[in-house]
Amino acid sequence: MRIKLSVAVCVFLAGLTVAKGDDLIFQEDSEWELVSGGHQFAEGMAWDKEGHFYFTDVPRSLLYKVDANTGERIMIDDNTGRANGIAFGPDGRLYGCSRGASRIYAWDPITWGKVAVATGPASNDIAILKDGTIFFTDPGENNVWRIDAKSRELTKAADPKWMPNGISLSLDQKTLLVAEFNSGTIHGFSIDSLGQLKGKSSPTYRLGIPSNGLGRLDGMQPLKDGRLLIGTALGIQIASRLGKEGAHPLIVVPSPDNRPRCNYARISPDGQWLYAAFAKDILRRQLVEGVNH
């Protein structure tokens, strides 16, 4: 299914120049395509090494795989504990934030059986270092948690005074990026050689926000040129790192056909598609060459 979309012209938001997304990132004459629909709240995105796509339907406690070759949607777990954010670890397992079960689960990629690797805190989104260290957010208690790669010890990594939601890692894995949900700020925490957070966070990216100030900053992905792709209340945004704003304008792509906020955005591993989750469905649209190369 293809979906027509009209986007807004250039405007100013929170003092930032905003550019029309079609002209800068999408293939000419491209349209939004439906990846999967009929969901209650589609979230969390991940790809395995074979290019198969995975996502969750949070309230229904479902985990899906979309076959890279056929596009077939396959349900691989119907009891995820309201899993939200997901990510593959270096061991090949798929890890997920099962807030309803107060667990971090790891799914075996062959059998799709799951085990709990941490129990206790609620969780929302997840990021995993190359050594297997896990970070996840708990928006309800304003905490960021860490699971040690070797001991699996669970410790509180940070307790900011704001609500942490989306989480990711800089490409060099030296900074943990955490979205302050009800704002326009992405914060960066430095990561030391032992995979521990050190010092206080600092503002790293600024996004456009609506007039009520509630940015709803959520699932995000750092791009190879240093910019950040993220789902927000205003739709999909791509922002330059603070201190480097002149090279690229802030790009805002409004959610198509009056859909609610974009709650997750990712670029496919081959760099050809932008995937976006809008609660009831997941869409994708073809990118111009080089957006994330």
C-alpha atoms as a PDB file:
ATOM      1  CA  MET A   1       0.000   0.000   0.000  1.00  0.00           C
ATOM      2  CA  ARG A   2       1.283   3.463  -0.877  1.00  0.00           C
ATOM      3  CA  ILE A   3       0.281   6.562   1.064  1.00  0.00           C
ATOM      4  CA  LYS A   4       0.293  10.093  -0.311  1.00  0.00           C
ATOM      5  CA  LEU A   5       1.784  12.791   1.886  1.00  0.00           C
ATOM      6  CA  SER A   6       1.889  16.563   1.710  1.00  0.00           C
ATOM      7  CA  VAL A   7       4.514  18.172   3.950  1.00  0.00           C
ATOM      8  CA  ALA A   8       4.772  21.646   5.347  1.00  0.00           C
ATOM      9  CA  VAL A   9       6.972  24.356   3.872  1.00  0.00           C
ATOM     10  CA  CYS A  10       9.919  25.885   5.714  1.00  0.00           C
ATOM     11  CA  VAL A  11       9.021  27.387   9.098  1.00  0.00           C
ATOM     12  CA  PHE A  12      10.724  28.345  12.338  1.00  0.00           C
ATOM     13  CA  LEU A  13      10.412  26.184  15.448  1.00  0.00           C
ATOM     14  CA  ALA A  14      12.063  26.987  18.774  1.00  0.00           C
ATOM     15  CA  GLY A  15      14.465  29.323  16.985  1.00  0.00           C
ATOM     16  CA  LEU A  16      15.572  26.666  14.506  1.00  0.00           C
ATOM     17  CA  THR A  17      15.241  26.807  10.730  1.00  0.00           C
ATOM     18  CA  VAL A  18      13.210  23.827   9.591  1.00  0.00           C
ATOM     19  CA  ALA A  19      13.457  22.369   6.100  1.00  0.00           C
ATOM     20  CA  LYS A  20      10.972  20.401   4.044  1.00  0.00           C
ATOM     21  CA  GLY A  21      11.915  16.730   4.345  1.00  0.00           C
ATOM     22  CA  ASP A  22      10.888  15.644   0.838  1.00  0.00           C
ATOM     23  CA  ASP A  23      13.496  17.776  -0.902  1.00  0.00           C
ATOM     24  CA  LEU A  24      16.394  16.670   1.259  1.00  0.00           C
ATOM     25  CA  ILE A  25      16.050  12.994   2.160  1.00  0.00           C
ATOM     26  CA  PHE A  26      13.428  11.217   0.042  1.00  0.00           C
ATOM     27  CA  GLN A  27      13.652   9.886  -3.497  1.00  0.00           C
ATOM     28  CA  GLU A  28      11.779  12.027  -6.014  1.00  0.00           C
ATOM     29  CA  ASP A  29       8.198  10.781  -6.443  1.00  0.00           C
ATOM     30  CA  SER A  30       8.602   8.340  -3.548  1.00  0.00           C
ATOM     31  CA  GLU A  31       5.601   7.648  -1.322  1.00  0.00           C
ATOM     32  CA  TRP A  32       5.053   6.110   2.083  1.00  0.00           C
ATOM     33  CA  GLU A  33       4.516   2.343   1.961  1.00  0.00           C
ATOM     34  CA  LEU A  34       2.782   0.222   4.571  1.00  0.00           C
ATOM     35  CA  VAL A  35       5.084  -2.287   6.285  1.00  0.00           C
ATOM     36  CA  SER A  36       2.577  -3.532   8.857  1.00  0.00           C
ATOM     37  CA  GLY A  37      -0.804  -2.272  10.044  1.00  0.00           C
ATOM     38  CA  GLY A  38      -3.665  -3.009  12.425  1.00  0.00           C
ATOM     39  CA  HIS A  39      -1.645  -2.574  15.618  1.00  0.00           C
ATOM     40  CA  GLN A  40      -2.539  -1.058  18.956  1.00  0.00           C
ATOM     41  CA  PHE A  41       0.850   0.590  19.503  1.00  0.00           C
ATOM     42  CA  ALA A  42       3.700  -0.475  17.222  1.00  0.00           C
ATOM     43  CA  GLU A  43       7.118   0.292  18.688  1.00  0.00           C
ATOM     44  CA  GLY A  44      10.756  -0.808  18.913  1.00  0.00           C
ATOM     45  CA  MET A  45      12.633  -1.605  15.697  1.00  0.00           C
ATOM     46  CA  ALA A  46      15.604  -3.863  14.977  1.00  0.00           C
ATOM     47  CA  TRP A  47      17.181  -5.781  12.064  1.00  0.00           C
ATOM     48  CA  ASP A  48      19.174  -9.006  12.223  1.00  0.00           C
ATOM     49  CA  LYS A  49      22.260  -9.784  10.130  1.00  0.00           C
ATOM     50  CA  GLU A  50      20.119 -11.294   7.366  1.00  0.00           C
ATOM     51  CA  GLY A  51      18.108  -8.079   7.052  1.00  0.00           C
ATOM     52  CA  HIS A  52      14.900  -9.354   8.650  1.00  0.00           C
ATOM     53  CA  PHE A  53      12.966  -6.616  10.459  1.00  0.00           C
ATOM     54  CA  TYR A  54      11.550  -6.895  13.997  1.00  0.00           C
ATOM     55  CA  PHE A  55       9.130  -4.766  16.002  1.00  0.00           C
ATOM     56  CA  THR A  56       6.727  -4.934  18.939  1.00  0.00           C
ATOM     57  CA  ASP A  57       3.064  -4.183  19.563  1.00  0.00           C
ATOM     58  CA  VAL A  58       3.359  -3.029  23.155  1.00  0.00           C
ATOM     59  CA  PRO A  59      -0.172  -3.298  24.675  1.00  0.00           C
ATOM     60  CA  ARG A  60      -0.819  -6.644  22.981  1.00  0.00           C
ATOM     61  CA  SER A  61       2.530  -8.086  24.151  1.00  0.00           C
ATOM     62  CA  LEU A  62       3.453  -9.182  20.628  1.00  0.00           C
ATOM     63  CA  LEU A  63       6.836  -9.494  18.909  1.00  0.00           C
ATOM     64  CA  TYR A  64       6.911  -9.650  15.092  1.00  0.00           C
ATOM     65  CA  LYS A  65       9.406 -10.482  12.369  1.00  0.00           C
ATOM     66  CA  VAL A  66       8.998  -9.209   8.795  1.00  0.00           C
ATOM     67  CA  ASP A  67      10.830 -11.428   6.319  1.00  0.00           C
ATOM     68  CA  ALA A  68      13.399  -9.506   4.265  1.00  0.00           C
ATOM     69  CA  ASN A  69      12.713 -11.549   1.135  1.00  0.00           C
ATOM     70  CA  THR A  70       8.938 -11.981   1.136  1.00  0.00           C
ATOM     71  CA  GLY A  71       7.658  -9.148   3.354  1.00  0.00           C
ATOM     72  CA  GLU A  72       5.653 -11.746   5.301  1.00  0.00           C
ATOM     73  CA  ARG A  73       4.839 -10.753   8.879  1.00  0.00           C
ATOM     74  CA  ILE A  74       5.437 -13.531  11.406  1.00  0.00           C
ATOM     75  CA  MET A  75       4.491 -13.389  15.088  1.00  0.00           C
ATOM     76  CA  ILE A  76       7.333 -14.903  17.089  1.00  0.00           C
ATOM     77  CA  ASP A  77       6.124 -14.214  20.645  1.00  0.00           C
ATOM     78  CA  ASP A  78       2.609 -13.486  21.894  1.00  0.00           C
ATOM     79  CA  ASN A  79       3.569 -13.016  25.549  1.00  0.00           C
ATOM     80  CA  THR A  80       6.352 -10.441  25.663  1.00  0.00           C
ATOM     81  CA  GLY A  81       5.316  -8.734  28.891  1.00  0.00           C
ATOM     82  CA  ARG A  82       4.407  -5.556  26.974  1.00  0.00           C
ATOM     83  CA  ALA A  83       7.856  -5.369  25.402  1.00  0.00           C
ATOM     84  CA  ASN A  84       8.739  -1.959  23.986  1.00  0.00           C
ATOM     85  CA  GLY A  85      12.259  -1.102  22.764  1.00  0.00           C
ATOM     86  CA  ILE A  86      14.332  -3.949  21.315  1.00  0.00           C
ATOM     87  CA  ALA A  87      17.940  -4.357  20.151  1.00  0.00           C
ATOM     88  CA  PHE A  88      20.234  -7.168  19.043  1.00  0.00           C
ATOM     89  CA  GLY A  89      23.236  -7.828  21.246  1.00  0.00           C
ATOM     90  CA  PRO A  90      26.709  -8.953  20.154  1.00  0.00           C
ATOM     91  CA  ASP A  91      25.761 -12.527  21.094  1.00  0.00           C
ATOM     92  CA  GLY A  92      23.063 -12.535  18.393  1.00  0.00           C
ATOM     93  CA  ARG A  93      20.169 -12.553  20.828  1.00  0.00           C
ATOM     94  CA  LEU A  94      17.344 -10.017  20.645  1.00  0.00           C
ATOM     95  CA  TYR A  95      16.921  -8.043  23.877  1.00  0.00           C
ATOM     96  CA  GLY A  96      13.756  -6.203  24.851  1.00  0.00           C
ATOM     97  CA  CYS A  97      12.278  -3.928  27.521  1.00  0.00           C
ATOM     98  CA  SER A  98       9.355  -5.896  28.955  1.00  0.00           C
ATOM     99  CA  ARG A  99       7.868  -3.194  31.117  1.00  0.00           C
ATOM    100  CA  GLY A 100       4.746  -5.171  32.009  1.00  0.00           C
ATOM    101  CA  ALA A 101       6.849  -8.033  33.366  1.00  0.00           C
ATOM    102  CA  SER A 102       9.476  -5.753  34.962  1.00  0.00           C
ATOM    103  CA  ARG A 103      12.145  -7.671  33.055  1.00  0.00           C
ATOM    104  CA  ILE A 104      14.726  -7.344  30.333  1.00  0.00           C
ATOM    105  CA  TYR A 105      14.235 -10.387  28.128  1.00  0.00           C
ATOM    106  CA  ALA A 106      16.660 -12.006  25.693  1.00  0.00           C
ATOM    107  CA  TRP A 107      15.207 -14.071  22.834  1.00  0.00           C
ATOM    108  CA  ASP A 108      17.139 -16.894  21.193  1.00  0.00           C
ATOM    109  CA  PRO A 109      17.195 -16.152  17.416  1.00  0.00           C
ATOM    110  CA  ILE A 110      16.740 -19.829  16.527  1.00  0.00           C
ATOM    111  CA  THR A 111      14.080 -21.098  18.941  1.00  0.00           C
ATOM    112  CA  TRP A 112      12.685 -17.691  19.994  1.00  0.00           C
ATOM    113  CA  GLY A 113      12.540 -18.926  23.550  1.00  0.00           C
ATOM    114  CA  LYS A 114      13.279 -16.126  26.021  1.00  0.00           C
ATOM    115  CA  VAL A 115      15.041 -15.734  29.346  1.00  0.00           C
ATOM    116  CA  ALA A 116      15.137 -12.812  31.767  1.00  0.00           C
ATOM    117  CA  VAL A 117      18.569 -11.182  32.061  1.00  0.00           C
ATOM    118  CA  ALA A 118      17.385  -8.605  34.604  1.00  0.00           C
ATOM    119  CA  THR A 119      14.345  -8.289  36.863  1.00  0.00           C
ATOM    120  CA  GLY A 120      12.999  -5.408  38.929  1.00  0.00           C
ATOM    121  CA  PRO A 121      12.826  -1.976  37.310  1.00  0.00           C
ATOM    122  CA  ALA A 122      10.296  -0.991  34.693  1.00  0.00           C
ATOM    123  CA  SER A 123      11.833  -0.296  31.288  1.00  0.00           C
ATOM    124  CA  ASN A 124      11.106   1.502  28.026  1.00  0.00           C
ATOM    125  CA  ASP A 125      13.992   1.606  25.550  1.00  0.00           C
ATOM    126  CA  ILE A 126      17.341  -0.139  25.270  1.00  0.00           C
ATOM    127  CA  ALA A 127      20.881   0.317  23.915  1.00  0.00           C
ATOM    128  CA  ILE A 128      23.683  -2.277  23.912  1.00  0.00           C
ATOM    129  CA  LEU A 129      27.437  -1.742  23.696  1.00  0.00           C
ATOM    130  CA  LYS A 130      29.627  -3.958  21.525  1.00  0.00           C
ATOM    131  CA  ASP A 131      30.904  -5.712  24.646  1.00  0.00           C
ATOM    132  CA  GLY A 132      27.347  -6.627  25.696  1.00  0.00           C
ATOM    133  CA  THR A 133      26.793  -3.935  28.339  1.00  0.00           C
ATOM    134  CA  ILE A 134      23.104  -2.974  28.361  1.00  0.00           C
ATOM    135  CA  PHE A 135      21.567   0.395  29.170  1.00  0.00           C
ATOM    136  CA  PHE A 136      17.818   0.975  29.455  1.00  0.00           C
ATOM    137  CA  THR A 137      15.468   3.759  30.492  1.00  0.00           C
ATOM    138  CA  ASP A 138      12.741   3.798  33.128  1.00  0.00           C
ATOM    139  CA  PRO A 139      10.623   6.925  32.449  1.00  0.00           C
ATOM    140  CA  GLY A 140       8.294   6.313  35.367  1.00  0.00           C
ATOM    141  CA  GLU A 141      11.067   6.647  37.952  1.00  0.00           C
ATOM    142  CA  ASN A 142      13.365   8.955  35.931  1.00  0.00           C
ATOM    143  CA  ASN A 143      16.179   6.403  35.903  1.00  0.00           C
ATOM    144  CA  VAL A 144      18.717   4.973  33.476  1.00  0.00           C
ATOM    145  CA  TRP A 145      19.861   1.440  34.330  1.00  0.00           C
ATOM    146  CA  ARG A 146      22.939  -0.615  33.397  1.00  0.00           C
ATOM    147  CA  ILE A 147      23.417  -4.387  33.109  1.00  0.00           C
ATOM    148  CA  ASP A 148      27.063  -5.448  33.246  1.00  0.00           C
ATOM    149  CA  ALA A 149      28.240  -7.447  30.237  1.00  0.00           C
ATOM    150  CA  LYS A 150      30.001 -10.138  32.272  1.00  0.00           C
ATOM    151  CA  SER A 151      28.437 -10.317  35.726  1.00  0.00           C
ATOM    152  CA  ARG A 152      24.908  -9.291  34.600  1.00  0.00           C
ATOM    153  CA  GLU A 153      24.772  -7.119  37.701  1.00  0.00           C
ATOM    154  CA  LEU A 154      21.996  -4.536  37.512  1.00  0.00           C
ATOM    155  CA  THR A 155      22.894  -1.047  38.738  1.00  0.00           C
ATOM    156  CA  LYS A 156      21.456   2.440  38.421  1.00  0.00           C
ATOM    157  CA  ALA A 157      23.572   4.308  35.887  1.00  0.00           C
ATOM    158  CA  ALA A 158      21.922   7.727  36.165  1.00  0.00           C
ATOM    159  CA  ASP A 159      18.949   9.364  37.883  1.00  0.00           C
ATOM    160  CA  PRO A 160      18.242  12.570  35.934  1.00  0.00           C
ATOM    161  CA  LYS A 161      15.592  14.987  37.168  1.00  0.00           C
ATOM    162  CA  TRP A 162      13.759  14.670  33.838  1.00  0.00           C
ATOM    163  CA  MET A 163      11.895  11.806  32.160  1.00  0.00           C
ATOM    164  CA  PRO A 164      14.276   9.625  30.083  1.00  0.00           C
ATOM    165  CA  ASN A 165      12.672   7.776  27.186  1.00  0.00           C
ATOM    166  CA  GLY A 166      14.408   7.005  23.882  1.00  0.00           C
ATOM    167  CA  ILE A 167      18.012   5.850  24.173  1.00  0.00           C
ATOM    168  CA  SER A 168      20.867   5.196  21.770  1.00  0.00           C
ATOM    169  CA  LEU A 169      24.654   5.180  21.438  1.00  0.00           C
ATOM    170  CA  SER A 170      26.956   7.444  19.487  1.00  0.00           C
ATOM    171  CA  LEU A 171      28.644   5.600  16.638  1.00  0.00           C
ATOM    172  CA  ASP A 172      31.968   5.527  18.497  1.00  0.00           C
ATOM    173  CA  GLN A 173      30.120   4.165  21.569  1.00  0.00           C
ATOM    174  CA  LYS A 174      31.645   6.862  23.771  1.00  0.00           C
ATOM    175  CA  THR A 175      28.353   8.658  24.465  1.00  0.00           C
ATOM    176  CA  LEU A 176      25.006   7.366  25.677  1.00  0.00           C
ATOM    177  CA  LEU A 177      22.243   9.486  24.130  1.00  0.00           C
ATOM    178  CA  VAL A 178      19.063   9.809  26.191  1.00  0.00           C
ATOM    179  CA  ALA A 179      15.914  11.645  25.129  1.00  0.00           C
ATOM    180  CA  GLU A 180      14.200  13.929  27.626  1.00  0.00           C
ATOM    181  CA  PHE A 181      10.678  12.934  26.607  1.00  0.00           C
ATOM    182  CA  ASN A 182       8.670  16.075  27.374  1.00  0.00           C
ATOM    183  CA  SER A 183      11.169  18.546  25.934  1.00  0.00           C
ATOM    184  CA  GLY A 184      13.281  19.250  22.872  1.00  0.00           C
ATOM    185  CA  THR A 185      16.595  18.035  24.290  1.00  0.00           C
ATOM    186  CA  ILE A 186      18.711  14.932  23.787  1.00  0.00           C
ATOM    187  CA  HIS A 187      21.279  14.541  26.567  1.00  0.00           C
ATOM    188  CA  GLY A 188      24.676  12.882  26.237  1.00  0.00           C
ATOM    189  CA  PHE A 189      26.401  10.859  28.976  1.00  0.00           C
ATOM    190  CA  SER A 190      30.090  10.035  28.522  1.00  0.00           C
ATOM    191  CA  ILE A 191      30.958   6.316  28.637  1.00  0.00           C
ATOM    192  CA  ASP A 192      34.355   5.250  30.018  1.00  0.00           C
ATOM    193  CA  SER A 193      36.527   2.323  28.911  1.00  0.00           C
ATOM    194  CA  LEU A 194      34.750   0.013  31.380  1.00  0.00           C
ATOM    195  CA  GLY A 195      31.330   0.773  29.953  1.00  0.00           C
ATOM    196  CA  GLN A 196      30.321   2.986  32.884  1.00  0.00           C
ATOM    197  CA  LEU A 197      28.718   6.420  32.668  1.00  0.00           C
ATOM    198  CA  LYS A 198      30.985   9.172  33.955  1.00  0.00           C
ATOM    199  CA  GLY A 199      30.060  12.675  35.047  1.00  0.00           C
ATOM    200  CA  LYS A 200      26.867  14.574  34.380  1.00  0.00           C
ATOM    201  CA  SER A 201      25.028  14.671  31.092  1.00  0.00           C
ATOM    202  CA  SER A 202      25.105  17.625  28.736  1.00  0.00           C
ATOM    203  CA  PRO A 203      22.654  18.782  26.020  1.00  0.00           C
ATOM    204  CA  THR A 204      23.754  17.177  22.752  1.00  0.00           C
ATOM    205  CA  TYR A 205      20.885  17.737  20.267  1.00  0.00           C
ATOM    206  CA  ARG A 206      17.963  20.182  20.114  1.00  0.00           C
ATOM    207  CA  LEU A 207      14.750  19.278  18.310  1.00  0.00           C
ATOM    208  CA  GLY A 208      11.758  21.282  17.198  1.00  0.00           C
ATOM    209  CA  ILE A 209       8.841  21.219  19.631  1.00  0.00           C
ATOM    210  CA  PRO A 210       5.154  22.195  19.446  1.00  0.00           C
ATOM    211  CA  SER A 211       3.855  25.267  21.242  1.00  0.00           C
ATOM    212  CA  ASN A 212       3.023  23.277  24.391  1.00  0.00           C
ATOM    213  CA  GLY A 213       6.707  22.373  24.763  1.00  0.00           C
ATOM    214  CA  LEU A 214       6.044  18.624  24.811  1.00  0.00           C
ATOM    215  CA  GLY A 215       8.454  17.256  22.229  1.00  0.00           C
ATOM    216  CA  ARG A 216       7.638  13.568  22.940  1.00  0.00           C
ATOM    217  CA  LEU A 217      11.185  12.593  21.972  1.00  0.00           C
ATOM    218  CA  ASP A 218      11.361   8.854  21.453  1.00  0.00           C
ATOM    219  CA  GLY A 219      13.108   6.171  19.382  1.00  0.00           C
ATOM    220  CA  MET A 220      16.224   7.503  17.631  1.00  0.00           C
ATOM    221  CA  GLN A 221      19.300   6.625  15.569  1.00  0.00           C
ATOM    222  CA  PRO A 222      22.611   8.509  15.171  1.00  0.00           C
ATOM    223  CA  LEU A 223      23.597   8.954  11.522  1.00  0.00           C
ATOM    224  CA  LYS A 224      27.083   8.562  10.091  1.00  0.00           C
ATOM    225  CA  ASP A 225      27.529  12.300   9.510  1.00  0.00           C
ATOM    226  CA  GLY A 226      26.834  13.081  13.174  1.00  0.00           C
ATOM    227  CA  ARG A 227      23.180  14.049  12.804  1.00  0.00           C
ATOM    228  CA  LEU A 228      20.368  12.368  14.738  1.00  0.00           C
ATOM    229  CA  LEU A 229      17.196  10.757  13.369  1.00  0.00           C
ATOM    230  CA  ILE A 230      14.327  10.650  15.864  1.00  0.00           C
ATOM    231  CA  GLY A 231      10.574  10.218  16.238  1.00  0.00           C
ATOM    232  CA  THR A 232       8.826  13.184  17.917  1.00  0.00           C
ATOM    233  CA  ALA A 233       5.487  14.906  18.476  1.00  0.00           C
ATOM    234  CA  LEU A 234       6.001  16.879  15.246  1.00  0.00           C
ATOM    235  CA  GLY A 235       6.857  13.773  13.237  1.00  0.00           C
ATOM    236  CA  ILE A 236      10.280  12.549  12.122  1.00  0.00           C
ATOM    237  CA  GLN A 237      13.189  14.911  12.700  1.00  0.00           C
ATOM    238  CA  ILE A 238      16.858  14.956  11.684  1.00  0.00           C
ATOM    239  CA  ALA A 239      19.041  17.338  13.711  1.00  0.00           C
ATOM    240  CA  SER A 240      22.691  18.349  13.758  1.00  0.00           C
ATOM    241  CA  ARG A 241      24.722  17.979  16.930  1.00  0.00           C
ATOM    242  CA  LEU A 242      24.871  21.131  19.053  1.00  0.00           C
ATOM    243  CA  GLY A 243      27.811  23.261  17.984  1.00  0.00           C
ATOM    244  CA  LYS A 244      27.545  21.987  14.414  1.00  0.00           C
ATOM    245  CA  GLU A 245      24.164  23.536  13.450  1.00  0.00           C
ATOM    246  CA  GLY A 246      25.157  25.472  10.276  1.00  0.00           C
ATOM    247  CA  ALA A 247      26.070  22.515   8.110  1.00  0.00           C
ATOM    248  CA  HIS A 248      22.534  21.159   7.874  1.00  0.00           C
ATOM    249  CA  PRO A 249      19.083  22.616   8.647  1.00  0.00           C
ATOM    250  CA  LEU A 250      16.798  20.868  11.072  1.00  0.00           C
ATOM    251  CA  ILE A 251      14.574  18.576   9.000  1.00  0.00           C
ATOM    252  CA  VAL A 252      10.994  17.878  10.093  1.00  0.00           C
ATOM    253  CA  VAL A 253       8.818  15.381   8.227  1.00  0.00           C
ATOM    254  CA  PRO A 254       5.238  15.640   9.564  1.00  0.00           C
ATOM    255  CA  SER A 255       3.420  12.403  10.307  1.00  0.00           C
ATOM    256  CA  PRO A 256       1.479  11.434   7.153  1.00  0.00           C
ATOM    257  CA  ASP A 257      -2.295  11.803   6.902  1.00  0.00           C
ATOM    258  CA  ASN A 258      -2.694  13.253  10.410  1.00  0.00           C
ATOM    259  CA  ARG A 259      -1.269  10.206  12.157  1.00  0.00           C
ATOM    260  CA  PRO A 260      -0.246  10.699  15.800  1.00  0.00           C
ATOM    261  CA  ARG A 261       3.325  11.451  16.772  1.00  0.00           C
ATOM    262  CA  CYS A 262       6.099   9.336  15.342  1.00  0.00           C
ATOM    263  CA  ASN A 263       7.277   7.184  18.230  1.00  0.00           C
ATOM    264  CA  TYR A 264      10.169   5.394  16.521  1.00  0.00           C
ATOM    265  CA  ALA A 265      12.329   6.087  13.470  1.00  0.00           C
ATOM    266  CA  ARG A 266      15.112   4.030  11.907  1.00  0.00           C
ATOM    267  CA  ILE A 267      17.007   3.732   8.617  1.00  0.00           C
ATOM    268  CA  SER A 268      17.280   0.208   7.231  1.00  0.00           C
ATOM    269  CA  PRO A 269      20.778  -1.360   7.284  1.00  0.00           C
ATOM    270  CA  ASP A 270      21.104  -1.010   3.497  1.00  0.00           C
ATOM    271  CA  GLY A 271      20.489   2.737   3.814  1.00  0.00           C
ATOM    272  CA  GLN A 272      17.623   2.686   1.313  1.00  0.00           C
ATOM    273  CA  TRP A 273      14.550   3.111   3.523  1.00  0.00           C
ATOM    274  CA  LEU A 274      13.325   5.270   6.373  1.00  0.00           C
ATOM    275  CA  TYR A 275      11.073   3.245   8.703  1.00  0.00           C
ATOM    276  CA  ALA A 276       8.684   5.016  11.086  1.00  0.00           C
ATOM    277  CA  ALA A 277       6.194   3.788  13.693  1.00  0.00           C
ATOM    278  CA  PHE A 278       2.911   5.676  14.188  1.00  0.00           C
ATOM    279  CA  ALA A 279       1.122   3.584  16.840  1.00  0.00           C
ATOM    280  CA  LYS A 280      -1.336   1.707  14.595  1.00  0.00           C
ATOM    281  CA  ASP A 281       1.086   1.066  11.754  1.00  0.00           C
ATOM    282  CA  ILE A 282       4.663   1.082  10.541  1.00  0.00           C
ATOM    283  CA  LEU A 283       5.506   2.829   7.273  1.00  0.00           C
ATOM    284  CA  ARG A 284       8.619   3.135   5.175  1.00  0.00           C
ATOM    285  CA  ARG A 285       9.762   5.493   2.432  1.00  0.00           C
ATOM    286  CA  GLN A 286      12.678   5.336   0.017  1.00  0.00           C
ATOM    287  CA  LEU A 287      15.613   7.654   0.721  1.00  0.00           C
ATOM    288  CA  VAL A 288      17.971   9.469  -1.578  1.00  0.00           C
ATOM    289  CA  GLU A 289      21.428   7.946  -1.708  1.00  0.00           C
ATOM    290  CA  GLY A 290      23.781   8.972   1.056  1.00  0.00           C
ATOM    291  CA  VAL A 291      21.421   9.963   3.895  1.00  0.00           C
ATOM    292  CA  ASN A 292      23.249   7.520   6.155  1.00  0.00           C
ATOM    293  CA  HIS A 293      26.398   6.604   4.244  1.00  0.00           C
END
